[in-house]
Amino acid sequence: MSNLCVAHRGFSGIAPENTMAAISLAMEQPFVHWVEVDVQLSKDGVPLLIHDFTLNRTTNGRGPVKDKTWAELQTLDAGRWKSKAYAGEKLISLDQFLDKIQGRLRANIEIKTQGKLYPGIEEKVIGAIKKRRMEQDVVLTSFEPRILAKIKEIGRGVRTGLIIDGYPKDLLLRLQLLECTFLSIGYRHLTAELAAKAAKRGIEVMAWTLDDARRMRKVADLHKDILLCTNRPEVWRKAIGDREGRESS
């Protein structure tokens, strides 16, 4: 199958992002092969899934994620903001997430940090992956090259990917120097030439974030190996899955 579907923060078009509800819903779709999530650390060093640096948007808590212990974070409601149906949905730890998807889905885990916000986050995330021998199922991504370099230094065998919302001329050279085998790129910057060159070098490319069928097909037409990251896997099914079904029948 080409242009595999990546569920962005789980099936976040329907369920609250980065929660077990969103991950479970993504797993129920037979055509979802990948999930993308974001990881930060609690005050006491527990890696957990959340996108923003503050709790304000996606929970009933307030203030920075890093100021709350894991015990405090677990008391928050991370579902009600999305809809009443998800009231009481909890934040989940990286361990809970990996246990859930192990042997079922591949994961693109973005390490969310800035400067020295989360010292030791790389070690903790790598430790959780290695403990479950999931090196082949996971790629760790970041906007920050120094984080990717650190992962390479301490996490032998763990794949890394650069996230970028642009297409600098030296992009492929940067990936080579960082020893990245994955590129997470804003879909507007992706070209057929870049996708072909990346594929030739063994670099997996993921385009984000595509929620519109026409645009999805346009990006898919650039190269069959491009992963399509979407909040709405049901749109992927209509745009790409059904098309493949028709072509093979």
C-alpha atoms as a PDB file:
ATOM      1  CA  MET A   1       0.000   0.000   0.000  1.00  0.00           C
ATOM      2  CA  SER A   2       1.301   3.478  -0.819  1.00  0.00           C
ATOM      3  CA  ASN A   3       0.980   6.811   0.997  1.00  0.00           C
ATOM      4  CA  LEU A   4       0.291   5.307   4.401  1.00  0.00           C
ATOM      5  CA  CYS A   5      -1.985   7.113   6.833  1.00  0.00           C
ATOM      6  CA  VAL A   6      -0.457   8.680   9.962  1.00  0.00           C
ATOM      7  CA  ALA A   7      -3.020   9.622  12.622  1.00  0.00           C
ATOM      8  CA  HIS A   8      -1.926  13.036  13.940  1.00  0.00           C
ATOM      9  CA  ARG A   9      -1.986  12.981  17.753  1.00  0.00           C
ATOM     10  CA  GLY A  10      -4.211   9.932  17.348  1.00  0.00           C
ATOM     11  CA  PHE A  11      -7.600  10.227  15.644  1.00  0.00           C
ATOM     12  CA  SER A  12      -7.715  13.842  16.800  1.00  0.00           C
ATOM     13  CA  GLY A  13     -10.410  15.014  14.394  1.00  0.00           C
ATOM     14  CA  ILE A  14     -12.919  13.179  16.602  1.00  0.00           C
ATOM     15  CA  ALA A  15     -11.269  12.291  19.930  1.00  0.00           C
ATOM     16  CA  PRO A  16      -9.191  14.588  22.176  1.00  0.00           C
ATOM     17  CA  GLU A  17      -5.599  14.680  20.872  1.00  0.00           C
ATOM     18  CA  ASN A  18      -2.797  12.678  22.515  1.00  0.00           C
ATOM     19  CA  THR A  19      -5.201  10.709  24.751  1.00  0.00           C
ATOM     20  CA  MET A  20      -5.909   6.991  24.941  1.00  0.00           C
ATOM     21  CA  ALA A  21      -9.299   7.661  23.319  1.00  0.00           C
ATOM     22  CA  ALA A  22      -7.600   9.167  20.243  1.00  0.00           C
ATOM     23  CA  ILE A  23      -4.998   6.391  20.081  1.00  0.00           C
ATOM     24  CA  SER A  24      -7.632   3.644  20.467  1.00  0.00           C
ATOM     25  CA  LEU A  25      -9.867   5.166  17.797  1.00  0.00           C
ATOM     26  CA  ALA A  26      -6.899   5.342  15.398  1.00  0.00           C
ATOM     27  CA  MET A  27      -6.083   1.683  16.125  1.00  0.00           C
ATOM     28  CA  GLU A  28      -9.637   0.648  15.296  1.00  0.00           C
ATOM     29  CA  GLN A  29      -9.165   1.880  11.703  1.00  0.00           C
ATOM     30  CA  PRO A  30      -7.548  -1.000   9.770  1.00  0.00           C
ATOM     31  CA  PHE A  31      -5.928   1.432   7.326  1.00  0.00           C
ATOM     32  CA  VAL A  32      -4.041   3.459   9.994  1.00  0.00           C
ATOM     33  CA  HIS A  33      -0.451   2.196  10.163  1.00  0.00           C
ATOM     34  CA  TRP A  34       1.219   5.064  11.998  1.00  0.00           C
ATOM     35  CA  VAL A  35       0.406   7.458  14.808  1.00  0.00           C
ATOM     36  CA  GLU A  36       2.126  10.775  15.605  1.00  0.00           C
ATOM     37  CA  VAL A  37       2.297  12.001  19.218  1.00  0.00           C
ATOM     38  CA  ASP A  38       4.137  14.619  21.307  1.00  0.00           C
ATOM     39  CA  VAL A  39       6.119  13.944  24.482  1.00  0.00           C
ATOM     40  CA  GLN A  40       7.047  16.245  27.378  1.00  0.00           C
ATOM     41  CA  LEU A  41       8.104  15.661  31.006  1.00  0.00           C
ATOM     42  CA  SER A  42       6.223  16.168  34.256  1.00  0.00           C
ATOM     43  CA  LYS A  43       7.890  18.026  37.156  1.00  0.00           C
ATOM     44  CA  ASP A  44       9.034  14.668  38.549  1.00  0.00           C
ATOM     45  CA  GLY A  45      10.400  13.462  35.218  1.00  0.00           C
ATOM     46  CA  VAL A  46       7.622  11.237  33.842  1.00  0.00           C
ATOM     47  CA  PRO A  47       7.364  11.375  30.013  1.00  0.00           C
ATOM     48  CA  LEU A  48       3.763  12.052  28.988  1.00  0.00           C
ATOM     49  CA  LEU A  49       1.782  12.808  25.836  1.00  0.00           C
ATOM     50  CA  ILE A  50       0.813  16.465  25.362  1.00  0.00           C
ATOM     51  CA  HIS A  51       1.433  18.990  22.588  1.00  0.00           C
ATOM     52  CA  ASP A  52       1.372  22.474  24.147  1.00  0.00           C
ATOM     53  CA  PHE A  53       3.874  23.618  26.775  1.00  0.00           C
ATOM     54  CA  THR A  54       0.912  24.718  28.908  1.00  0.00           C
ATOM     55  CA  LEU A  55      -2.120  22.778  30.086  1.00  0.00           C
ATOM     56  CA  ASN A  56      -4.616  25.513  29.202  1.00  0.00           C
ATOM     57  CA  ARG A  57      -5.882  24.423  25.780  1.00  0.00           C
ATOM     58  CA  THR A  58      -6.286  20.641  26.129  1.00  0.00           C
ATOM     59  CA  THR A  59      -7.038  20.129  29.838  1.00  0.00           C
ATOM     60  CA  ASN A  60      -8.942  21.815  32.666  1.00  0.00           C
ATOM     61  CA  GLY A  61      -5.568  22.640  34.242  1.00  0.00           C
ATOM     62  CA  ARG A  62      -3.593  25.882  33.988  1.00  0.00           C
ATOM     63  CA  GLY A  63       0.064  26.798  33.611  1.00  0.00           C
ATOM     64  CA  PRO A  64       3.158  25.003  32.315  1.00  0.00           C
ATOM     65  CA  VAL A  65       3.197  21.190  32.004  1.00  0.00           C
ATOM     66  CA  LYS A  66       6.645  21.129  33.649  1.00  0.00           C
ATOM     67  CA  ASP A  67       5.358  22.629  36.914  1.00  0.00           C
ATOM     68  CA  LYS A  68       3.045  19.704  37.734  1.00  0.00           C
ATOM     69  CA  THR A  69       3.949  16.256  39.069  1.00  0.00           C
ATOM     70  CA  TRP A  70       2.654  13.171  37.284  1.00  0.00           C
ATOM     71  CA  ALA A  71       0.222  12.586  40.182  1.00  0.00           C
ATOM     72  CA  GLU A  72      -1.167  16.111  39.748  1.00  0.00           C
ATOM     73  CA  LEU A  73      -1.385  15.765  35.964  1.00  0.00           C
ATOM     74  CA  GLN A  74      -3.386  12.551  36.315  1.00  0.00           C
ATOM     75  CA  THR A  75      -6.164  14.388  38.159  1.00  0.00           C
ATOM     76  CA  LEU A  76      -6.864  16.619  35.132  1.00  0.00           C
ATOM     77  CA  ASP A  77      -9.619  16.197  32.562  1.00  0.00           C
ATOM     78  CA  ALA A  78      -8.044  16.083  29.086  1.00  0.00           C
ATOM     79  CA  GLY A  79     -11.221  15.270  27.163  1.00  0.00           C
ATOM     80  CA  ARG A  80     -14.052  17.609  27.996  1.00  0.00           C
ATOM     81  CA  TRP A  81     -12.606  20.516  25.951  1.00  0.00           C
ATOM     82  CA  LYS A  82     -13.135  18.402  22.822  1.00  0.00           C
ATOM     83  CA  SER A  83     -16.644  17.198  23.624  1.00  0.00           C
ATOM     84  CA  LYS A  84     -18.838  16.103  26.518  1.00  0.00           C
ATOM     85  CA  ALA A  85     -18.570  12.523  25.268  1.00  0.00           C
ATOM     86  CA  TYR A  86     -14.894  12.534  26.314  1.00  0.00           C
ATOM     87  CA  ALA A  87     -15.277  14.156  29.735  1.00  0.00           C
ATOM     88  CA  GLY A  88     -12.960  12.486  32.246  1.00  0.00           C
ATOM     89  CA  GLU A  89     -10.402  11.371  29.632  1.00  0.00           C
ATOM     90  CA  LYS A  90      -6.932  11.441  31.234  1.00  0.00           C
ATOM     91  CA  LEU A  91      -3.465  12.469  30.108  1.00  0.00           C
ATOM     92  CA  ILE A  92      -1.373   9.370  29.406  1.00  0.00           C
ATOM     93  CA  SER A  93       2.269   8.512  30.015  1.00  0.00           C
ATOM     94  CA  LEU A  94       4.665   7.472  27.273  1.00  0.00           C
ATOM     95  CA  ASP A  95       4.798   4.013  28.909  1.00  0.00           C
ATOM     96  CA  GLN A  96       1.014   3.619  28.655  1.00  0.00           C
ATOM     97  CA  PHE A  97       1.107   4.733  25.030  1.00  0.00           C
ATOM     98  CA  LEU A  98       3.905   2.341  24.017  1.00  0.00           C
ATOM     99  CA  ASP A  99       2.248  -0.582  25.803  1.00  0.00           C
ATOM    100  CA  LYS A 100      -0.977   0.146  23.921  1.00  0.00           C
ATOM    101  CA  ILE A 101       0.494   0.306  20.398  1.00  0.00           C
ATOM    102  CA  GLN A 102       3.246  -2.307  20.751  1.00  0.00           C
ATOM    103  CA  GLY A 103       3.069  -4.766  17.859  1.00  0.00           C
ATOM    104  CA  ARG A 104       0.125  -2.869  16.350  1.00  0.00           C
ATOM    105  CA  LEU A 105       1.119   0.600  15.138  1.00  0.00           C
ATOM    106  CA  ARG A 106       4.310   2.439  14.306  1.00  0.00           C
ATOM    107  CA  ALA A 107       4.911   5.721  16.089  1.00  0.00           C
ATOM    108  CA  ASN A 108       6.412   9.072  15.233  1.00  0.00           C
ATOM    109  CA  ILE A 109       7.200  10.582  18.644  1.00  0.00           C
ATOM    110  CA  GLU A 110       7.988  14.283  18.639  1.00  0.00           C
ATOM    111  CA  ILE A 111      10.180  15.381  21.526  1.00  0.00           C
ATOM    112  CA  LYS A 112       8.628  18.691  22.559  1.00  0.00           C
ATOM    113  CA  THR A 113      11.218  20.867  24.219  1.00  0.00           C
ATOM    114  CA  GLN A 114      12.936  24.223  23.917  1.00  0.00           C
ATOM    115  CA  GLY A 115      16.395  25.128  25.145  1.00  0.00           C
ATOM    116  CA  LYS A 116      16.997  23.418  28.504  1.00  0.00           C
ATOM    117  CA  LEU A 117      13.323  22.961  29.325  1.00  0.00           C
ATOM    118  CA  TYR A 118      13.455  19.189  29.874  1.00  0.00           C
ATOM    119  CA  PRO A 119      16.957  17.980  30.754  1.00  0.00           C
ATOM    120  CA  GLY A 120      17.238  14.203  30.316  1.00  0.00           C
ATOM    121  CA  ILE A 121      14.084  13.829  28.187  1.00  0.00           C
ATOM    122  CA  GLU A 122      16.013  12.024  25.431  1.00  0.00           C
ATOM    123  CA  GLU A 123      17.364   9.364  27.825  1.00  0.00           C
ATOM    124  CA  LYS A 124      13.927   8.745  29.306  1.00  0.00           C
ATOM    125  CA  VAL A 125      12.213   8.342  25.928  1.00  0.00           C
ATOM    126  CA  ILE A 126      14.977   6.086  24.563  1.00  0.00           C
ATOM    127  CA  GLY A 127      14.859   4.005  27.757  1.00  0.00           C
ATOM    128  CA  ALA A 128      11.119   3.391  27.360  1.00  0.00           C
ATOM    129  CA  ILE A 129      11.573   2.349  23.706  1.00  0.00           C
ATOM    130  CA  LYS A 130      14.541   0.048  24.361  1.00  0.00           C
ATOM    131  CA  LYS A 131      12.857  -1.602  27.330  1.00  0.00           C
ATOM    132  CA  ARG A 132      10.119  -2.782  24.938  1.00  0.00           C
ATOM    133  CA  ARG A 133      12.539  -3.452  22.050  1.00  0.00           C
ATOM    134  CA  MET A 134      10.527  -1.087  19.858  1.00  0.00           C
ATOM    135  CA  GLU A 135      13.490   0.476  18.051  1.00  0.00           C
ATOM    136  CA  GLN A 136      12.154  -0.735  14.691  1.00  0.00           C
ATOM    137  CA  ASP A 137       8.649   0.607  15.311  1.00  0.00           C
ATOM    138  CA  VAL A 138       9.440   4.130  16.438  1.00  0.00           C
ATOM    139  CA  VAL A 139      11.064   7.272  15.049  1.00  0.00           C
ATOM    140  CA  LEU A 140      11.971  10.184  17.332  1.00  0.00           C
ATOM    141  CA  THR A 141      11.511  13.587  15.716  1.00  0.00           C
ATOM    142  CA  SER A 142      12.339  17.166  16.664  1.00  0.00           C
ATOM    143  CA  PHE A 143      12.651  20.648  15.192  1.00  0.00           C
ATOM    144  CA  GLU A 144      15.956  20.969  17.069  1.00  0.00           C
ATOM    145  CA  PRO A 145      19.053  19.414  15.464  1.00  0.00           C
ATOM    146  CA  ARG A 146      20.924  19.282  18.797  1.00  0.00           C
ATOM    147  CA  ILE A 147      18.231  16.987  20.219  1.00  0.00           C
ATOM    148  CA  LEU A 148      18.522  14.658  17.225  1.00  0.00           C
ATOM    149  CA  ALA A 149      22.326  14.673  17.623  1.00  0.00           C
ATOM    150  CA  LYS A 150      21.958  13.771  21.309  1.00  0.00           C
ATOM    151  CA  ILE A 151      19.603  10.883  20.507  1.00  0.00           C
ATOM    152  CA  LYS A 152      22.142   9.540  18.008  1.00  0.00           C
ATOM    153  CA  GLU A 153      24.846   9.795  20.663  1.00  0.00           C
ATOM    154  CA  ILE A 154      22.976   7.907  23.409  1.00  0.00           C
ATOM    155  CA  GLY A 155      20.386   5.810  21.575  1.00  0.00           C
ATOM    156  CA  ARG A 156      22.089   3.396  19.254  1.00  0.00           C
ATOM    157  CA  GLY A 157      19.618   1.850  16.836  1.00  0.00           C
ATOM    158  CA  VAL A 158      16.892   4.451  17.464  1.00  0.00           C
ATOM    159  CA  ARG A 159      15.752   6.223  14.280  1.00  0.00           C
ATOM    160  CA  THR A 160      15.573  10.003  14.157  1.00  0.00           C
ATOM    161  CA  GLY A 161      13.825  12.551  11.967  1.00  0.00           C
ATOM    162  CA  LEU A 162      14.027  16.297  11.481  1.00  0.00           C
ATOM    163  CA  ILE A 163      10.807  18.322  11.561  1.00  0.00           C
ATOM    164  CA  ILE A 164      10.841  21.370   9.309  1.00  0.00           C
ATOM    165  CA  ASP A 165       8.335  23.803   7.864  1.00  0.00           C
ATOM    166  CA  GLY A 166      10.418  24.864   4.881  1.00  0.00           C
ATOM    167  CA  TYR A 167      12.747  23.568   2.171  1.00  0.00           C
ATOM    168  CA  PRO A 168      16.247  24.999   2.599  1.00  0.00           C
ATOM    169  CA  LYS A 169      18.652  24.157  -0.249  1.00  0.00           C
ATOM    170  CA  ASP A 170      20.888  22.095   2.046  1.00  0.00           C
ATOM    171  CA  LEU A 171      18.037  20.057   3.569  1.00  0.00           C
ATOM    172  CA  LEU A 172      19.254  16.657   2.350  1.00  0.00           C
ATOM    173  CA  LEU A 173      22.789  17.473   3.511  1.00  0.00           C
ATOM    174  CA  ARG A 174      21.454  18.433   6.939  1.00  0.00           C
ATOM    175  CA  LEU A 175      19.617  15.107   7.201  1.00  0.00           C
ATOM    176  CA  GLN A 176      22.765  13.258   6.173  1.00  0.00           C
ATOM    177  CA  LEU A 177      24.938  15.076   8.742  1.00  0.00           C
ATOM    178  CA  LEU A 178      22.350  14.399  11.467  1.00  0.00           C
ATOM    179  CA  GLU A 179      22.115  10.737  10.340  1.00  0.00           C
ATOM    180  CA  CYS A 180      18.334  11.104  10.071  1.00  0.00           C
ATOM    181  CA  THR A 181      16.344   8.475   8.173  1.00  0.00           C
ATOM    182  CA  PHE A 182      13.075  10.415   8.476  1.00  0.00           C
ATOM    183  CA  LEU A 183      11.866  13.840   7.367  1.00  0.00           C
ATOM    184  CA  SER A 184       8.709  15.414   8.786  1.00  0.00           C
ATOM    185  CA  ILE A 185       7.848  18.353   6.540  1.00  0.00           C
ATOM    186  CA  GLY A 186       4.986  20.859   6.201  1.00  0.00           C
ATOM    187  CA  TYR A 187       3.187  19.605   3.079  1.00  0.00           C
ATOM    188  CA  ARG A 188       3.399  22.951   1.251  1.00  0.00           C
ATOM    189  CA  HIS A 189       7.179  22.611   0.945  1.00  0.00           C
ATOM    190  CA  LEU A 190       7.210  19.108  -0.477  1.00  0.00           C
ATOM    191  CA  THR A 191       8.131  18.580  -4.133  1.00  0.00           C
ATOM    192  CA  ALA A 192       8.301  15.467  -6.299  1.00  0.00           C
ATOM    193  CA  GLU A 193      12.049  16.071  -6.655  1.00  0.00           C
ATOM    194  CA  LEU A 194      12.648  16.227  -2.887  1.00  0.00           C
ATOM    195  CA  ALA A 195      10.517  13.122  -2.295  1.00  0.00           C
ATOM    196  CA  ALA A 196      12.418  11.178  -4.988  1.00  0.00           C
ATOM    197  CA  LYS A 197      15.845  12.247  -3.697  1.00  0.00           C
ATOM    198  CA  ALA A 198      14.894  11.375  -0.119  1.00  0.00           C
ATOM    199  CA  ALA A 199      13.568   7.940  -1.151  1.00  0.00           C
ATOM    200  CA  LYS A 200      16.800   7.246  -3.022  1.00  0.00           C
ATOM    201  CA  ARG A 201      18.766   8.010   0.149  1.00  0.00           C
ATOM    202  CA  GLY A 202      16.553   5.764   2.283  1.00  0.00           C
ATOM    203  CA  ILE A 203      14.855   8.679   4.026  1.00  0.00           C
ATOM    204  CA  GLU A 204      11.178   8.230   4.867  1.00  0.00           C
ATOM    205  CA  VAL A 205       9.151  11.407   4.270  1.00  0.00           C
ATOM    206  CA  MET A 206       6.018  12.420   6.157  1.00  0.00           C
ATOM    207  CA  ALA A 207       3.893  15.389   5.027  1.00  0.00           C
ATOM    208  CA  TRP A 208       1.845  17.296   7.616  1.00  0.00           C
ATOM    209  CA  THR A 209      -0.957  18.112   8.270  1.00  0.00           C
ATOM    210  CA  LEU A 210      -3.454  17.180   5.557  1.00  0.00           C
ATOM    211  CA  ASP A 211      -7.174  17.191   6.322  1.00  0.00           C
ATOM    212  CA  ASP A 212      -8.522  17.882   2.850  1.00  0.00           C
ATOM    213  CA  ALA A 213      -9.028  15.086   0.281  1.00  0.00           C
ATOM    214  CA  ARG A 214      -7.987  17.066  -2.783  1.00  0.00           C
ATOM    215  CA  ARG A 215      -4.770  18.276  -1.175  1.00  0.00           C
ATOM    216  CA  MET A 216      -4.057  14.780   0.133  1.00  0.00           C
ATOM    217  CA  ARG A 217      -4.292  13.309  -3.366  1.00  0.00           C
ATOM    218  CA  LYS A 218      -2.080  16.080  -4.738  1.00  0.00           C
ATOM    219  CA  VAL A 219       0.676  15.322  -2.210  1.00  0.00           C
ATOM    220  CA  ALA A 220       0.252  11.562  -2.704  1.00  0.00           C
ATOM    221  CA  ASP A 221       0.796  12.047  -6.438  1.00  0.00           C
ATOM    222  CA  LEU A 222       4.275  13.489  -5.779  1.00  0.00           C
ATOM    223  CA  HIS A 223       5.599  10.092  -4.622  1.00  0.00           C
ATOM    224  CA  LYS A 224       4.059   6.814  -3.491  1.00  0.00           C
ATOM    225  CA  ASP A 225       6.230   6.571  -0.352  1.00  0.00           C
ATOM    226  CA  ILE A 226       5.156   9.855   1.239  1.00  0.00           C
ATOM    227  CA  LEU A 227       3.387   9.254   4.555  1.00  0.00           C
ATOM    228  CA  LEU A 228       0.291  11.433   4.957  1.00  0.00           C
ATOM    229  CA  CYS A 229      -0.245  12.861   8.423  1.00  0.00           C
ATOM    230  CA  THR A 230      -3.850  13.810   9.168  1.00  0.00           C
ATOM    231  CA  ASN A 231      -6.215  14.652  12.020  1.00  0.00           C
ATOM    232  CA  ARG A 232      -8.920  12.967   9.963  1.00  0.00           C
ATOM    233  CA  PRO A 233      -8.065   9.400   8.933  1.00  0.00           C
ATOM    234  CA  GLU A 234     -11.597   9.020   7.523  1.00  0.00           C
ATOM    235  CA  VAL A 235     -10.657  11.632   4.871  1.00  0.00           C
ATOM    236  CA  TRP A 236      -7.516   9.605   4.050  1.00  0.00           C
ATOM    237  CA  ARG A 237      -9.724   6.537   3.560  1.00  0.00           C
ATOM    238  CA  LYS A 238     -11.891   8.373   1.022  1.00  0.00           C
ATOM    239  CA  ALA A 239      -9.044  10.183  -0.742  1.00  0.00           C
ATOM    240  CA  ILE A 240      -6.373   7.465  -0.861  1.00  0.00           C
ATOM    241  CA  GLY A 241      -7.689   4.152   0.445  1.00  0.00           C
ATOM    242  CA  ASP A 242     -10.752   4.005  -1.802  1.00  0.00           C
ATOM    243  CA  ARG A 243      -8.706   5.121  -4.809  1.00  0.00           C
ATOM    244  CA  GLU A 244      -6.219   2.276  -4.233  1.00  0.00           C
ATOM    245  CA  GLY A 245      -9.101  -0.156  -3.876  1.00  0.00           C
ATOM    246  CA  ARG A 246     -10.496   0.922  -7.242  1.00  0.00           C
ATOM    247  CA  GLU A 247      -7.099   0.716  -8.955  1.00  0.00           C
ATOM    248  CA  SER A 248      -6.384  -2.798  -7.709  1.00  0.00           C
ATOM    249  CA  SER A 249      -9.827  -4.222  -8.486  1.00  0.00           C
END
